[in-house]
Amino acid sequence: MAKRSLVAFRESWPILGSFRISRGVKTAADVVIVEITEEGITGRGECVPYPRYGESPSTVLDEISTVRDAISHGADNMDLLSLLPSGAARNAVDCALWDLKAKLSGKSVSELVGITAPGPLITAYTLSLDTPEKMGIAAEHNAHRPLIKLKLAGEGDIERVQAVREFAPKTRLIIDANEAWTVKMMESYFPIMADLGVELIEQPLPAGEDMELGNMARPVPICADESCHDTSTLDQIAANYDYINIKLDKTGGLTEALQLAQAAKEFGLGIMVGCMLGTSLGMAPAMQLGGFARFVDLDGPLLLDKDRPNGIQFDESVMHPPSSELWG
């Protein structure tokens, strides 16, 4: 096997305005890029270090550096599962390896994996956390979209969802509390959210404090995000949730994500495929999971001031399969 070289570096992509969730506000998407080159061909992968999981661009770059020699000597995607833990660093390396393998073989990643190639997907469009009035205005501007996701924060969330529903009466709604609710809130919010036509509630309680969910009547399905990272976490959360949100930055890449999707089906869990806030290079590998998912939330590029060249084409909320120039 020809020797491979690996380089990794940081990029920052300005957000269109700002993006707020219950844990804070962002004005830029800070990503780490991995490029692996063999025989003059380069495969690329992107990850988003996430402070909630103790990650930063610096720590992720340090992690990636530990596998540089192994990659140069031919370590593949399956080897990587034991070389790095699940998380952003492994994601960037794993996706770069898949892209390289596709380019060297002349086959698509879906062909290499043995799954149906992704077709056009309808993605949720995310409304950043704000006052009910401002979220209502944002909803009115996006009421033509088929699926909207709302970032919530706990107190005042009923008013936020009511405002969005008023101004987007026909749009399907999913909501994400980002661990900001309490059990008491859930008991009072659940029936109201059902009446407002909410189809999915993402991570209402803090990870590790969500055992109560298994004992609750759930008029709206609940989706695990922060509580579910990879296949090792399914046993702990399966009884408490109806769906899981698979993000490559949590699973540590497409390889583990595909295993998680299959395992989730065996547990009887529905699938949402999601993303951190990144560019089309981060969304393209996640699109491979579209065929497994009931809900797709890969709108990262729509929230940026600009995307990278050869980015995914979006027709409003419809995202088209990535070009080979971008990935895979």
Foldseek 3Di string as FASTA:
>chain_A
DFFKAKDKDKDKFAFPPWFAFQVGIGGIFIKMKMWIDGPRDIFIFIFGFDVVVPGDPVVLNVLLVQCRVVVRVPDALVNLPVSHPAFGNLAGVNQRRLQRVCVVVVHHSCVVVVHDAFFKDFAAAEDHDDALVVLLVVLLVQLVRQEYEYRAAEPRVLSNLVSSCVNNVRHAYEYEHPQRYDPVSCVVVQVSCVVSRHAEYENPHDAVPQPCQLVDDHSHFYEYEVNDQFPVRCVVPLSRGQAYEYESRRPSHLVRSVVRLVVCVVSNHAYEYEYDQDAQSRLQSSSSCVVSHPHYHRCNQVRTPHHDPQGWDDPSRITGHGDSVRGD
